[in-house]
Amino acid sequence: MFTIEHEFDATVVTLVDDGTAPLQEDVTVHATESVILLNQYDARTDQVVSVRLSPEQWRDLTAALDLPEGVYKAT
C-alpha cells in the first residue's frame, strides 16, 4: 500500500509494508527538482535513516527495476 501527497515544493510518497510479518517501517520518498530523499525509521537506533539520490540516480533506479541483469548506461 502507498500514499501520494503533493506539497508546495515536493511530492511525497509513503510506502507502507503490508506484506507478511515481520513488517518493515514505512518508507517516505520526498521528490523535488534537485534531490530524491528516502527516509525510514530505525527502531534499533530510534533515528530516521536517510538516503539522498540525484534525479539521475532515481531515473536509473526506476529503469533498473524492469531490466534483466547486466550493465547499462542511460542516455
Protein backbone atom coordinates (compact mmCIF):
# COMPACT_ATOMS: atom_id res chain seq x y z
CA MET A 1 0.00 0.00 0.00
CA PHE A 2 1.19 3.56 -0.62
CA THR A 3 0.03 7.15 -0.41
CA ILE A 4 0.88 10.16 -2.58
CA GLU A 5 0.77 13.77 -1.39
CA HIS A 6 1.67 16.85 -3.43
CA GLU A 7 3.24 19.56 -1.30
CA PHE A 8 4.37 23.04 -2.35
CA ASP A 9 7.89 22.03 -3.36
CA ALA A 10 7.84 18.23 -3.32
CA THR A 11 5.84 15.11 -4.00
CA VAL A 12 5.78 12.76 -1.01
CA VAL A 13 5.13 9.04 -1.44
CA THR A 14 4.79 6.84 1.65
CA LEU A 15 5.32 3.10 1.17
CA VAL A 16 3.56 1.00 3.80
CA ASP A 17 4.69 -2.61 4.26
CA ASP A 18 1.50 -4.64 4.20
CA GLY A 19 3.17 -7.97 3.46
CA THR A 20 3.68 -10.85 5.85
CA ALA A 21 5.37 -10.50 9.24
CA PRO A 22 7.92 -9.32 10.14
CA LEU A 23 6.83 -5.98 8.70
CA GLN A 24 9.26 -3.15 7.97
CA GLU A 25 8.79 0.50 8.92
CA ASP A 26 7.17 2.85 6.40
CA VAL A 27 9.44 4.40 3.77
CA THR A 28 8.86 8.04 2.82
CA VAL A 29 10.06 9.33 -0.56
CA HIS A 30 10.37 13.13 -0.93
CA ALA A 31 10.94 14.09 -4.57
CA THR A 32 11.98 17.64 -5.50
CA GLU A 33 13.66 19.10 -8.59
CA SER A 34 17.15 18.58 -7.18
CA VAL A 35 17.02 15.58 -4.84
CA ILE A 36 15.09 12.41 -4.03
CA LEU A 37 15.13 11.71 -0.28
CA LEU A 38 14.23 8.27 1.09
CA ASN A 39 13.55 8.08 4.85
CA GLN A 40 12.85 5.11 7.10
CA TYR A 41 12.62 4.96 10.88
CA ASP A 42 15.10 2.56 12.52
CA ALA A 43 13.69 1.29 15.83
CA ARG A 44 17.08 -0.13 16.87
CA THR A 45 18.69 3.32 16.94
CA ASP A 46 15.47 5.36 17.41
CA GLN A 47 16.51 7.51 14.44
CA VAL A 48 15.39 8.11 10.88
CA VAL A 49 17.81 6.78 8.28
CA SER A 50 18.04 8.87 5.07
CA VAL A 51 19.36 8.21 1.60
CA ARG A 52 19.74 11.06 -0.92
CA LEU A 53 19.62 10.37 -4.66
CA SER A 54 20.06 12.75 -7.57
CA PRO A 55 17.24 12.82 -10.11
CA GLU A 56 19.56 10.91 -12.47
CA GLN A 57 20.18 8.18 -9.89
CA TRP A 58 16.41 7.92 -9.29
CA ARG A 59 15.81 7.62 -13.06
CA ASP A 60 18.42 4.84 -13.28
CA LEU A 61 16.97 3.02 -10.27
CA THR A 62 13.42 3.05 -11.59
CA ALA A 63 14.62 1.92 -15.04
CA ALA A 64 16.69 -0.89 -13.48
CA LEU A 65 13.61 -2.41 -11.86
CA ASP A 66 12.38 -3.51 -15.29
CA LEU A 67 15.67 -4.73 -16.79
CA PRO A 68 17.48 -8.07 -16.71
CA GLU A 69 20.88 -8.49 -15.07
CA GLY A 70 23.66 -6.52 -16.78
CA VAL A 71 25.48 -3.18 -17.00
CA TYR A 72 23.63 -0.25 -18.52
CA LYS A 73 24.18 3.44 -19.29
CA ALA A 74 21.16 5.72 -19.59
CA THR A 75 21.21 8.17 -22.45
